[in-house]
Amino acid sequence: MASTMDPRPSKKMDVNYPAYPEAMIIDPILPHKQTFIILHGRGSFAEKFAPPLLEMQINTQETIQTTFPHARIIFPTASRNRATIYKKSFTHQWFNSWHLEDYKKRQDMMRPGLHQSCNYIHFLLKREIEIVGAENVVLWGLSQGCATSLSSLLVWDGDPFSAVVGMCGWLPFGNIVEELGAKPRDQFATIQGQDEEDDPFARSDDEDDPFARSDEKGASDEPTWKSDALSFFREEIDMDHKNGTVFQNIPVFLGNGREDPKVSIEMGREAKRCLDLLGADVELKEYDGLGHCYSKNMLSDIFQFLKEKLNIEG
């Protein structure tokens, strides 16, 4: 049976992070063994986003808390800053971006916010990993929170944690990542050499590129498209100092509605293709008739996914 416990937070996070409000914490029903870090979408905040998600029951009347009674649930709130699409009004957002119906335009405005937010999410991940172990930590996000979670995953260089869950989301710079993976290398090299000074996505010098070709004896073969695309993504959000492919050992669940008017189903499919290209372990489920929100069916699939991935006794 579903729990009748009050879903309101019992406390605030006891460690602050510059430029971000205090995170909302939901204590576990039973002794703490897992941690879920769940990110809201643009324009929302923890106290608004958390209650409906915590209270939703799937067909067996299970909620997040009754299904995972050992889970501490952290709801961070994005920093409040000016959103270009809202005529520069202030709102909570993980990063600034252009209208999603034209998401391939003006992608450069995402860079500063993604850089800052990924560092914040990494801070939370490291903190919880120290407490319960990497295999017991889940990163989860809705809409822009999903986009931030996937970005944080691709630049993560710590221990592989349990899983990433994305609802109604997309991958920033996904169209460019996919293009890099689709072009023959000689064609890409030719394109790179043309009008590079006017290219907002031009690469930095190879000396700072961990995947740059080396002529030294024993050097690896020519970089793969996977490496090119990953290097590009990390450079775009100024986190090219992050190395390795730990994300390939972290399973990802994506759930997207086929009738989503904000994040089109094609954006979700693009995220899946890009993550596949980069070697991630990703599953995408599409939901007929679902708009820009989660549903009981989606949560049921997420619960099953997490039961399989988490280190849960019994």
C-alpha atoms as a PDB file:
ATOM      1  CA  MET A   1       0.000   0.000   0.000  1.00  0.00           C
ATOM      2  CA  ALA A   2       1.119   3.537  -0.611  1.00  0.00           C
ATOM      3  CA  SER A   3       2.607   5.432   2.260  1.00  0.00           C
ATOM      4  CA  THR A   4       0.656   8.326   3.745  1.00  0.00           C
ATOM      5  CA  MET A   5       3.777  10.046   5.000  1.00  0.00           C
ATOM      6  CA  ASP A   6       4.113  13.786   4.404  1.00  0.00           C
ATOM      7  CA  PRO A   7       6.353  14.314   1.330  1.00  0.00           C
ATOM      8  CA  ARG A   8       7.555  17.711   2.525  1.00  0.00           C
ATOM      9  CA  PRO A   9      11.282  17.966   3.213  1.00  0.00           C
ATOM     10  CA  SER A  10      12.541  17.266   6.707  1.00  0.00           C
ATOM     11  CA  LYS A  11      15.575  19.490   6.212  1.00  0.00           C
ATOM     12  CA  LYS A  12      17.660  21.483   3.785  1.00  0.00           C
ATOM     13  CA  MET A  13      21.007  20.389   2.421  1.00  0.00           C
ATOM     14  CA  ASP A  14      23.657  21.142   5.007  1.00  0.00           C
ATOM     15  CA  VAL A  15      26.323  22.118   2.451  1.00  0.00           C
ATOM     16  CA  ASN A  16      25.813  25.208   0.301  1.00  0.00           C
ATOM     17  CA  TYR A  17      27.143  25.713  -3.213  1.00  0.00           C
ATOM     18  CA  PRO A  18      27.796  29.190  -4.665  1.00  0.00           C
ATOM     19  CA  ALA A  19      24.999  30.691  -6.812  1.00  0.00           C
ATOM     20  CA  TYR A  20      22.520  27.892  -6.086  1.00  0.00           C
ATOM     21  CA  PRO A  21      19.655  27.836  -3.564  1.00  0.00           C
ATOM     22  CA  GLU A  22      19.659  25.231  -0.836  1.00  0.00           C
ATOM     23  CA  ALA A  23      18.656  21.819  -2.103  1.00  0.00           C
ATOM     24  CA  MET A  24      15.520  20.156  -0.764  1.00  0.00           C
ATOM     25  CA  ILE A  25      16.069  16.788   0.922  1.00  0.00           C
ATOM     26  CA  ILE A  26      13.541  14.015   1.481  1.00  0.00           C
ATOM     27  CA  ASP A  27      14.786  11.582   4.100  1.00  0.00           C
ATOM     28  CA  PRO A  28      14.410   7.841   3.463  1.00  0.00           C
ATOM     29  CA  ILE A  29      11.666   5.846   5.186  1.00  0.00           C
ATOM     30  CA  LEU A  30      14.178   3.154   6.163  1.00  0.00           C
ATOM     31  CA  PRO A  31      17.948   3.388   6.823  1.00  0.00           C
ATOM     32  CA  HIS A  32      19.765   5.348   4.132  1.00  0.00           C
ATOM     33  CA  LYS A  33      21.288   3.109   1.443  1.00  0.00           C
ATOM     34  CA  GLN A  34      20.654   4.918  -1.848  1.00  0.00           C
ATOM     35  CA  THR A  35      20.468   8.526  -3.047  1.00  0.00           C
ATOM     36  CA  PHE A  36      18.430   9.960  -5.925  1.00  0.00           C
ATOM     37  CA  ILE A  37      19.362  13.431  -7.219  1.00  0.00           C
ATOM     38  CA  ILE A  38      16.388  14.732  -9.233  1.00  0.00           C
ATOM     39  CA  LEU A  39      16.514  17.944 -11.315  1.00  0.00           C
ATOM     40  CA  HIS A  40      13.481  20.052 -12.242  1.00  0.00           C
ATOM     41  CA  GLY A  41      12.844  21.772 -15.573  1.00  0.00           C
ATOM     42  CA  ARG A  42      13.258  25.418 -16.505  1.00  0.00           C
ATOM     43  CA  GLY A  43      10.935  27.788 -14.667  1.00  0.00           C
ATOM     44  CA  SER A  44      10.347  25.411 -11.782  1.00  0.00           C
ATOM     45  CA  PHE A  45      12.096  24.869  -8.445  1.00  0.00           C
ATOM     46  CA  ALA A  46      12.413  22.078  -5.895  1.00  0.00           C
ATOM     47  CA  GLU A  47       9.454  22.940  -3.661  1.00  0.00           C
ATOM     48  CA  LYS A  48       7.123  23.139  -6.680  1.00  0.00           C
ATOM     49  CA  PHE A  49       8.512  20.171  -8.616  1.00  0.00           C
ATOM     50  CA  ALA A  50       8.941  17.586  -5.861  1.00  0.00           C
ATOM     51  CA  PRO A  51       5.448  17.031  -4.355  1.00  0.00           C
ATOM     52  CA  PRO A  52       3.596  15.894  -7.532  1.00  0.00           C
ATOM     53  CA  LEU A  53       6.424  13.520  -8.434  1.00  0.00           C
ATOM     54  CA  LEU A  54       6.620  12.072  -4.933  1.00  0.00           C
ATOM     55  CA  GLU A  55       2.855  11.663  -4.670  1.00  0.00           C
ATOM     56  CA  MET A  56       2.207  10.009  -8.041  1.00  0.00           C
ATOM     57  CA  GLN A  57       1.234   6.355  -7.652  1.00  0.00           C
ATOM     58  CA  ILE A  58       1.726   3.778 -10.370  1.00  0.00           C
ATOM     59  CA  ASN A  59      -0.835   1.052 -10.986  1.00  0.00           C
ATOM     60  CA  THR A  60       0.214  -0.925  -7.919  1.00  0.00           C
ATOM     61  CA  GLN A  61      -0.149   2.214  -5.745  1.00  0.00           C
ATOM     62  CA  GLU A  62       3.598   2.418  -5.372  1.00  0.00           C
ATOM     63  CA  THR A  63       5.358   5.771  -5.061  1.00  0.00           C
ATOM     64  CA  ILE A  64       9.045   6.575  -5.328  1.00  0.00           C
ATOM     65  CA  GLN A  65       9.383   6.456  -1.551  1.00  0.00           C
ATOM     66  CA  THR A  66       7.528   3.179  -1.006  1.00  0.00           C
ATOM     67  CA  THR A  67       9.311   1.503  -3.920  1.00  0.00           C
ATOM     68  CA  PHE A  68      12.725   2.719  -2.762  1.00  0.00           C
ATOM     69  CA  PRO A  69      12.313   3.183   1.007  1.00  0.00           C
ATOM     70  CA  HIS A  70      16.079   3.360   1.581  1.00  0.00           C
ATOM     71  CA  ALA A  71      16.519   6.261  -0.865  1.00  0.00           C
ATOM     72  CA  ARG A  72      17.398   9.755   0.227  1.00  0.00           C
ATOM     73  CA  ILE A  73      15.961  12.062  -2.438  1.00  0.00           C
ATOM     74  CA  ILE A  74      17.681  15.358  -3.197  1.00  0.00           C
ATOM     75  CA  PHE A  75      15.871  18.004  -5.237  1.00  0.00           C
ATOM     76  CA  PRO A  76      18.345  20.759  -6.201  1.00  0.00           C
ATOM     77  CA  THR A  77      17.068  24.113  -7.445  1.00  0.00           C
ATOM     78  CA  ALA A  78      18.683  25.813 -10.429  1.00  0.00           C
ATOM     79  CA  SER A  79      20.145  29.277 -10.052  1.00  0.00           C
ATOM     80  CA  ARG A  80      17.863  32.199 -10.891  1.00  0.00           C
ATOM     81  CA  ASN A  81      19.040  34.254 -13.840  1.00  0.00           C
ATOM     82  CA  ARG A  82      17.871  35.951 -17.018  1.00  0.00           C
ATOM     83  CA  ALA A  83      16.243  33.781 -19.696  1.00  0.00           C
ATOM     84  CA  THR A  84      16.626  35.118 -23.220  1.00  0.00           C
ATOM     85  CA  ILE A  85      13.371  33.563 -24.450  1.00  0.00           C
ATOM     86  CA  TYR A  86      11.447  35.249 -21.617  1.00  0.00           C
ATOM     87  CA  LYS A  87      12.656  38.699 -22.702  1.00  0.00           C
ATOM     88  CA  LYS A  88      15.457  38.415 -20.151  1.00  0.00           C
ATOM     89  CA  SER A  89      13.103  37.999 -17.209  1.00  0.00           C
ATOM     90  CA  PHE A  90      14.563  36.147 -14.229  1.00  0.00           C
ATOM     91  CA  THR A  91      13.709  32.483 -13.790  1.00  0.00           C
ATOM     92  CA  HIS A  92      15.212  29.305 -12.397  1.00  0.00           C
ATOM     93  CA  GLN A  93      17.103  27.574 -15.197  1.00  0.00           C
ATOM     94  CA  TRP A  94      20.062  25.222 -15.390  1.00  0.00           C
ATOM     95  CA  PHE A  95      21.306  27.034 -18.487  1.00  0.00           C
ATOM     96  CA  ASN A  96      20.144  29.695 -20.908  1.00  0.00           C
ATOM     97  CA  SER A  97      18.935  28.536 -24.329  1.00  0.00           C
ATOM     98  CA  TRP A  98      16.968  29.502 -27.377  1.00  0.00           C
ATOM     99  CA  HIS A  99      13.407  28.369 -28.185  1.00  0.00           C
ATOM    100  CA  LEU A 100      13.275  24.570 -28.290  1.00  0.00           C
ATOM    101  CA  GLU A 101      11.349  24.520 -31.568  1.00  0.00           C
ATOM    102  CA  ASP A 102      14.548  26.033 -33.024  1.00  0.00           C
ATOM    103  CA  TYR A 103      16.949  24.296 -30.652  1.00  0.00           C
ATOM    104  CA  LYS A 104      19.722  24.094 -33.244  1.00  0.00           C
ATOM    105  CA  LYS A 105      20.045  27.886 -33.265  1.00  0.00           C
ATOM    106  CA  ARG A 106      22.135  30.028 -30.905  1.00  0.00           C
ATOM    107  CA  GLN A 107      23.467  27.017 -29.049  1.00  0.00           C
ATOM    108  CA  ASP A 108      26.425  29.031 -27.824  1.00  0.00           C
ATOM    109  CA  MET A 109      24.236  30.631 -25.137  1.00  0.00           C
ATOM    110  CA  MET A 110      24.022  27.259 -23.357  1.00  0.00           C
ATOM    111  CA  ARG A 111      27.741  27.096 -22.601  1.00  0.00           C
ATOM    112  CA  PRO A 112      28.142  29.168 -19.399  1.00  0.00           C
ATOM    113  CA  GLY A 113      25.119  27.717 -17.618  1.00  0.00           C
ATOM    114  CA  LEU A 114      25.920  24.127 -18.535  1.00  0.00           C
ATOM    115  CA  HIS A 115      29.481  24.562 -17.316  1.00  0.00           C
ATOM    116  CA  GLN A 116      28.327  25.944 -13.977  1.00  0.00           C
ATOM    117  CA  SER A 117      25.464  23.481 -13.500  1.00  0.00           C
ATOM    118  CA  CYS A 118      27.538  20.421 -14.406  1.00  0.00           C
ATOM    119  CA  ASN A 119      30.067  21.427 -11.769  1.00  0.00           C
ATOM    120  CA  TYR A 120      27.252  21.753  -9.223  1.00  0.00           C
ATOM    121  CA  ILE A 121      25.785  18.355 -10.106  1.00  0.00           C
ATOM    122  CA  HIS A 122      29.248  16.800  -9.877  1.00  0.00           C
ATOM    123  CA  PHE A 123      29.579  18.320  -6.415  1.00  0.00           C
ATOM    124  CA  LEU A 124      26.315  16.649  -5.345  1.00  0.00           C
ATOM    125  CA  LEU A 125      27.292  13.326  -6.906  1.00  0.00           C
ATOM    126  CA  LYS A 126      30.674  13.259  -5.184  1.00  0.00           C
ATOM    127  CA  ARG A 127      29.106  14.164  -1.860  1.00  0.00           C
ATOM    128  CA  GLU A 128      26.541  11.355  -2.008  1.00  0.00           C
ATOM    129  CA  ILE A 129      29.005   8.805  -3.397  1.00  0.00           C
ATOM    130  CA  GLU A 130      31.141   9.361  -0.304  1.00  0.00           C
ATOM    131  CA  ILE A 131      28.120   8.491   1.847  1.00  0.00           C
ATOM    132  CA  VAL A 132      26.468   5.504   0.124  1.00  0.00           C
ATOM    133  CA  GLY A 133      28.907   4.429  -2.586  1.00  0.00           C
ATOM    134  CA  ALA A 134      28.787   5.086  -6.316  1.00  0.00           C
ATOM    135  CA  GLU A 135      26.721   1.988  -7.086  1.00  0.00           C
ATOM    136  CA  ASN A 136      23.859   3.410  -4.998  1.00  0.00           C
ATOM    137  CA  VAL A 137      23.552   6.895  -6.524  1.00  0.00           C
ATOM    138  CA  VAL A 138      21.070   7.845  -9.272  1.00  0.00           C
ATOM    139  CA  LEU A 139      20.976  11.085 -11.297  1.00  0.00           C
ATOM    140  CA  TRP A 140      17.524  11.961 -12.672  1.00  0.00           C
ATOM    141  CA  GLY A 141      16.073  14.959 -14.489  1.00  0.00           C
ATOM    142  CA  LEU A 142      13.000  16.348 -16.242  1.00  0.00           C
ATOM    143  CA  SER A 143      13.192  18.444 -19.426  1.00  0.00           C
ATOM    144  CA  GLN A 144      16.073  20.929 -18.961  1.00  0.00           C
ATOM    145  CA  GLY A 145      16.959  18.920 -15.870  1.00  0.00           C
ATOM    146  CA  CYS A 146      17.325  15.887 -18.138  1.00  0.00           C
ATOM    147  CA  ALA A 147      19.528  17.863 -20.536  1.00  0.00           C
ATOM    148  CA  THR A 148      21.708  18.904 -17.595  1.00  0.00           C
ATOM    149  CA  SER A 149      21.860  15.347 -16.253  1.00  0.00           C
ATOM    150  CA  LEU A 150      23.002  13.967 -19.625  1.00  0.00           C
ATOM    151  CA  SER A 151      25.588  16.733 -19.950  1.00  0.00           C
ATOM    152  CA  SER A 152      26.847  16.045 -16.423  1.00  0.00           C
ATOM    153  CA  LEU A 153      27.116  12.374 -17.342  1.00  0.00           C
ATOM    154  CA  LEU A 154      29.262  12.966 -20.424  1.00  0.00           C
ATOM    155  CA  VAL A 155      31.793  15.070 -18.500  1.00  0.00           C
ATOM    156  CA  TRP A 156      31.845  12.891 -15.376  1.00  0.00           C
ATOM    157  CA  ASP A 157      35.263  11.437 -14.543  1.00  0.00           C
ATOM    158  CA  GLY A 158      34.584   9.954 -11.113  1.00  0.00           C
ATOM    159  CA  ASP A 159      33.508   6.430 -10.223  1.00  0.00           C
ATOM    160  CA  PRO A 160      30.645   5.001 -12.297  1.00  0.00           C
ATOM    161  CA  PHE A 161      27.426   5.555 -10.368  1.00  0.00           C
ATOM    162  CA  SER A 162      24.250   3.493 -10.640  1.00  0.00           C
ATOM    163  CA  ALA A 163      22.166   5.125 -13.372  1.00  0.00           C
ATOM    164  CA  VAL A 164      20.851   8.224 -15.123  1.00  0.00           C
ATOM    165  CA  VAL A 165      17.141   8.779 -15.773  1.00  0.00           C
ATOM    166  CA  GLY A 166      15.849  11.391 -18.202  1.00  0.00           C
ATOM    167  CA  MET A 167      12.220  12.405 -18.669  1.00  0.00           C
ATOM    168  CA  CYS A 168      11.013  14.562 -21.578  1.00  0.00           C
ATOM    169  CA  GLY A 169      14.532  15.713 -22.325  1.00  0.00           C
ATOM    170  CA  TRP A 170      17.250  16.089 -24.939  1.00  0.00           C
ATOM    171  CA  LEU A 171      21.029  16.312 -25.287  1.00  0.00           C
ATOM    172  CA  PRO A 172      22.530  19.802 -25.712  1.00  0.00           C
ATOM    173  CA  PHE A 173      24.603  20.107 -28.917  1.00  0.00           C
ATOM    174  CA  GLY A 174      23.186  16.729 -29.925  1.00  0.00           C
ATOM    175  CA  ASN A 175      22.746  17.672 -33.581  1.00  0.00           C
ATOM    176  CA  ILE A 176      26.422  18.632 -33.855  1.00  0.00           C
ATOM    177  CA  VAL A 177      27.594  15.536 -31.980  1.00  0.00           C
ATOM    178  CA  GLU A 178      25.608  13.424 -34.425  1.00  0.00           C
ATOM    179  CA  GLU A 179      27.009  15.285 -37.431  1.00  0.00           C
ATOM    180  CA  LEU A 180      30.560  14.671 -36.218  1.00  0.00           C
ATOM    181  CA  GLY A 181      29.808  10.977 -35.992  1.00  0.00           C
ATOM    182  CA  ALA A 182      28.287  10.850 -39.471  1.00  0.00           C
ATOM    183  CA  LYS A 183      31.003  12.637 -41.493  1.00  0.00           C
ATOM    184  CA  PRO A 184      34.025  10.846 -42.984  1.00  0.00           C
ATOM    185  CA  ARG A 185      37.181  12.157 -41.338  1.00  0.00           C
ATOM    186  CA  ASP A 186      38.658  13.688 -44.494  1.00  0.00           C
ATOM    187  CA  GLN A 187      35.385  15.531 -45.139  1.00  0.00           C
ATOM    188  CA  PHE A 188      35.293  16.812 -41.564  1.00  0.00           C
ATOM    189  CA  ALA A 189      38.911  17.963 -41.783  1.00  0.00           C
ATOM    190  CA  THR A 190      38.094  19.905 -44.953  1.00  0.00           C
ATOM    191  CA  ILE A 191      35.070  21.524 -43.357  1.00  0.00           C
ATOM    192  CA  GLN A 192      37.072  22.410 -40.263  1.00  0.00           C
ATOM    193  CA  GLY A 193      39.648  24.239 -42.356  1.00  0.00           C
ATOM    194  CA  GLN A 194      37.065  26.428 -44.050  1.00  0.00           C
ATOM    195  CA  ASP A 195      36.032  29.687 -42.381  1.00  0.00           C
ATOM    196  CA  GLU A 196      37.201  28.402 -39.022  1.00  0.00           C
ATOM    197  CA  GLU A 197      37.569  31.934 -37.685  1.00  0.00           C
ATOM    198  CA  ASP A 198      33.840  32.482 -38.169  1.00  0.00           C
ATOM    199  CA  ASP A 199      32.821  29.123 -36.725  1.00  0.00           C
ATOM    200  CA  PRO A 200      31.355  29.508 -33.194  1.00  0.00           C
ATOM    201  CA  PHE A 201      32.089  25.831 -32.616  1.00  0.00           C
ATOM    202  CA  ALA A 202      35.702  25.880 -33.845  1.00  0.00           C
ATOM    203  CA  ARG A 203      38.063  23.609 -31.947  1.00  0.00           C
ATOM    204  CA  SER A 204      40.941  24.703 -29.756  1.00  0.00           C
ATOM    205  CA  ASP A 205      44.529  23.721 -30.528  1.00  0.00           C
ATOM    206  CA  ASP A 206      45.319  20.018 -30.561  1.00  0.00           C
ATOM    207  CA  GLU A 207      47.817  20.363 -27.736  1.00  0.00           C
ATOM    208  CA  ASP A 208      44.904  20.580 -25.289  1.00  0.00           C
ATOM    209  CA  ASP A 209      42.871  17.828 -26.983  1.00  0.00           C
ATOM    210  CA  PRO A 210      43.101  14.493 -25.112  1.00  0.00           C
ATOM    211  CA  PHE A 211      42.050  12.749 -28.337  1.00  0.00           C
ATOM    212  CA  ALA A 212      44.423  14.606 -30.667  1.00  0.00           C
ATOM    213  CA  ARG A 213      46.466  12.467 -33.058  1.00  0.00           C
ATOM    214  CA  SER A 214      50.030  11.810 -32.012  1.00  0.00           C
ATOM    215  CA  ASP A 215      52.958  10.755 -34.203  1.00  0.00           C
ATOM    216  CA  GLU A 216      54.883   9.361 -31.252  1.00  0.00           C
ATOM    217  CA  LYS A 217      55.801   5.698 -31.270  1.00  0.00           C
ATOM    218  CA  GLY A 218      53.143   3.615 -29.600  1.00  0.00           C
ATOM    219  CA  ALA A 219      50.435   6.219 -30.095  1.00  0.00           C
ATOM    220  CA  SER A 220      46.922   4.978 -30.723  1.00  0.00           C
ATOM    221  CA  ASP A 221      45.383   4.902 -34.185  1.00  0.00           C
ATOM    222  CA  GLU A 222      43.574   7.861 -35.674  1.00  0.00           C
ATOM    223  CA  PRO A 223      40.888   9.083 -33.274  1.00  0.00           C
ATOM    224  CA  THR A 224      37.483   7.533 -33.684  1.00  0.00           C
ATOM    225  CA  TRP A 225      34.326   9.514 -34.346  1.00  0.00           C
ATOM    226  CA  LYS A 226      33.334   8.706 -30.836  1.00  0.00           C
ATOM    227  CA  SER A 227      36.394  10.525 -29.519  1.00  0.00           C
ATOM    228  CA  ASP A 228      35.921  13.495 -31.835  1.00  0.00           C
ATOM    229  CA  ALA A 229      32.316  13.951 -30.771  1.00  0.00           C
ATOM    230  CA  LEU A 230      33.065  13.558 -27.074  1.00  0.00           C
ATOM    231  CA  SER A 231      35.998  15.954 -27.259  1.00  0.00           C
ATOM    232  CA  PHE A 232      33.807  18.510 -29.028  1.00  0.00           C
ATOM    233  CA  PHE A 233      31.077  18.268 -26.389  1.00  0.00           C
ATOM    234  CA  ARG A 234      33.498  18.732 -23.507  1.00  0.00           C
ATOM    235  CA  GLU A 235      35.193  21.675 -25.170  1.00  0.00           C
ATOM    236  CA  GLU A 236      31.866  23.373 -25.816  1.00  0.00           C
ATOM    237  CA  ILE A 237      31.052  23.616 -22.112  1.00  0.00           C
ATOM    238  CA  ASP A 238      34.653  24.349 -21.141  1.00  0.00           C
ATOM    239  CA  MET A 239      35.186  21.002 -19.427  1.00  0.00           C
ATOM    240  CA  ASP A 240      37.739  19.523 -21.810  1.00  0.00           C
ATOM    241  CA  HIS A 241      39.983  18.785 -18.826  1.00  0.00           C
ATOM    242  CA  LYS A 242      37.632  15.903 -18.047  1.00  0.00           C
ATOM    243  CA  ASN A 243      39.046  12.634 -19.343  1.00  0.00           C
ATOM    244  CA  GLY A 244      37.913   9.080 -19.884  1.00  0.00           C
ATOM    245  CA  THR A 245      34.667   7.374 -20.793  1.00  0.00           C
ATOM    246  CA  VAL A 246      33.241   6.451 -17.393  1.00  0.00           C
ATOM    247  CA  PHE A 247      29.770   7.283 -18.719  1.00  0.00           C
ATOM    248  CA  GLN A 248      29.886   4.132 -20.845  1.00  0.00           C
ATOM    249  CA  ASN A 249      29.553   2.136 -17.619  1.00  0.00           C
ATOM    250  CA  ILE A 250      26.512   4.089 -16.376  1.00  0.00           C
ATOM    251  CA  PRO A 251      23.155   2.899 -17.793  1.00  0.00           C
ATOM    252  CA  VAL A 252      20.714   5.531 -19.036  1.00  0.00           C
ATOM    253  CA  PHE A 253      16.919   5.452 -19.268  1.00  0.00           C
ATOM    254  CA  LEU A 254      15.157   8.045 -21.431  1.00  0.00           C
ATOM    255  CA  GLY A 255      11.385   8.470 -21.477  1.00  0.00           C
ATOM    256  CA  ASN A 256       9.764  10.831 -23.991  1.00  0.00           C
ATOM    257  CA  GLY A 257       6.164  11.529 -24.987  1.00  0.00           C
ATOM    258  CA  ARG A 258       5.293  11.307 -28.667  1.00  0.00           C
ATOM    259  CA  GLU A 259       2.930  14.275 -28.330  1.00  0.00           C
ATOM    260  CA  ASP A 260       5.342  16.532 -26.435  1.00  0.00           C
ATOM    261  CA  PRO A 261       4.803  20.102 -27.731  1.00  0.00           C
ATOM    262  CA  LYS A 262       7.969  21.479 -26.095  1.00  0.00           C
ATOM    263  CA  VAL A 263      10.623  18.775 -26.457  1.00  0.00           C
ATOM    264  CA  SER A 264       9.742  16.974 -29.679  1.00  0.00           C
ATOM    265  CA  ILE A 265      10.047  13.207 -29.798  1.00  0.00           C
ATOM    266  CA  GLU A 266      12.745  13.683 -32.430  1.00  0.00           C
ATOM    267  CA  MET A 267      14.888  15.506 -29.851  1.00  0.00           C
ATOM    268  CA  GLY A 268      14.605  12.483 -27.573  1.00  0.00           C
ATOM    269  CA  ARG A 269      15.485  10.156 -30.431  1.00  0.00           C
ATOM    270  CA  GLU A 270      18.450  12.341 -31.320  1.00  0.00           C
ATOM    271  CA  ALA A 271      19.698  12.090 -27.734  1.00  0.00           C
ATOM    272  CA  LYS A 272      19.443   8.299 -27.952  1.00  0.00           C
ATOM    273  CA  ARG A 273      21.360   8.202 -31.244  1.00  0.00           C
ATOM    274  CA  CYS A 274      24.089  10.486 -29.888  1.00  0.00           C
ATOM    275  CA  LEU A 275      24.538   8.491 -26.702  1.00  0.00           C
ATOM    276  CA  ASP A 276      24.684   5.294 -28.763  1.00  0.00           C
ATOM    277  CA  LEU A 277      27.330   6.907 -30.953  1.00  0.00           C
ATOM    278  CA  LEU A 278      29.406   7.757 -27.877  1.00  0.00           C
ATOM    279  CA  GLY A 279      29.201   4.196 -26.588  1.00  0.00           C
ATOM    280  CA  ALA A 280      26.702   4.749 -23.788  1.00  0.00           C
ATOM    281  CA  ASP A 281      24.316   2.084 -22.515  1.00  0.00           C
ATOM    282  CA  VAL A 282      21.014   3.833 -23.230  1.00  0.00           C
ATOM    283  CA  GLU A 283      17.382   2.775 -23.447  1.00  0.00           C
ATOM    284  CA  LEU A 284      14.668   5.028 -24.902  1.00  0.00           C
ATOM    285  CA  LYS A 285      10.981   4.438 -24.303  1.00  0.00           C
ATOM    286  CA  GLU A 286       8.349   6.441 -26.169  1.00  0.00           C
ATOM    287  CA  TYR A 287       4.833   7.010 -24.855  1.00  0.00           C
ATOM    288  CA  ASP A 288       1.818   7.438 -27.116  1.00  0.00           C
ATOM    289  CA  GLY A 289      -0.435  10.374 -26.304  1.00  0.00           C
ATOM    290  CA  LEU A 290       1.953  11.816 -23.707  1.00  0.00           C
ATOM    291  CA  GLY A 291       2.898  15.491 -23.768  1.00  0.00           C
ATOM    292  CA  HIS A 292       5.576  17.356 -21.832  1.00  0.00           C
ATOM    293  CA  CYS A 293       5.175  15.490 -18.562  1.00  0.00           C
ATOM    294  CA  TYR A 294       5.786  12.157 -16.910  1.00  0.00           C
ATOM    295  CA  SER A 295       3.053   9.563 -16.481  1.00  0.00           C
ATOM    296  CA  LYS A 296       2.233   6.515 -14.383  1.00  0.00           C
ATOM    297  CA  ASN A 297       3.432   4.275 -17.206  1.00  0.00           C
ATOM    298  CA  MET A 298       6.716   6.152 -17.477  1.00  0.00           C
ATOM    299  CA  LEU A 299       7.301   6.013 -13.718  1.00  0.00           C
ATOM    300  CA  SER A 300       6.486   2.301 -13.722  1.00  0.00           C
ATOM    301  CA  ASP A 301       9.165   1.731 -16.376  1.00  0.00           C
ATOM    302  CA  ILE A 302      11.625   3.909 -14.454  1.00  0.00           C
ATOM    303  CA  PHE A 303      10.981   2.014 -11.227  1.00  0.00           C
ATOM    304  CA  GLN A 304      11.622  -1.297 -12.984  1.00  0.00           C
ATOM    305  CA  PHE A 305      14.797   0.067 -14.588  1.00  0.00           C
ATOM    306  CA  LEU A 306      16.138   1.292 -11.249  1.00  0.00           C
ATOM    307  CA  LYS A 307      15.267  -1.931  -9.441  1.00  0.00           C
ATOM    308  CA  GLU A 308      17.465  -3.742 -11.961  1.00  0.00           C
ATOM    309  CA  LYS A 309      20.357  -1.274 -11.747  1.00  0.00           C
ATOM    310  CA  LEU A 310      20.492  -0.430  -8.038  1.00  0.00           C
ATOM    311  CA  ASN A 311      22.282  -2.509  -5.468  1.00  0.00           C
ATOM    312  CA  ILE A 312      19.175  -3.258  -3.386  1.00  0.00           C
ATOM    313  CA  GLU A 313      19.094  -6.064  -0.852  1.00  0.00           C
ATOM    314  CA  GLY A 314      16.135  -8.409  -1.014  1.00  0.00           C
END
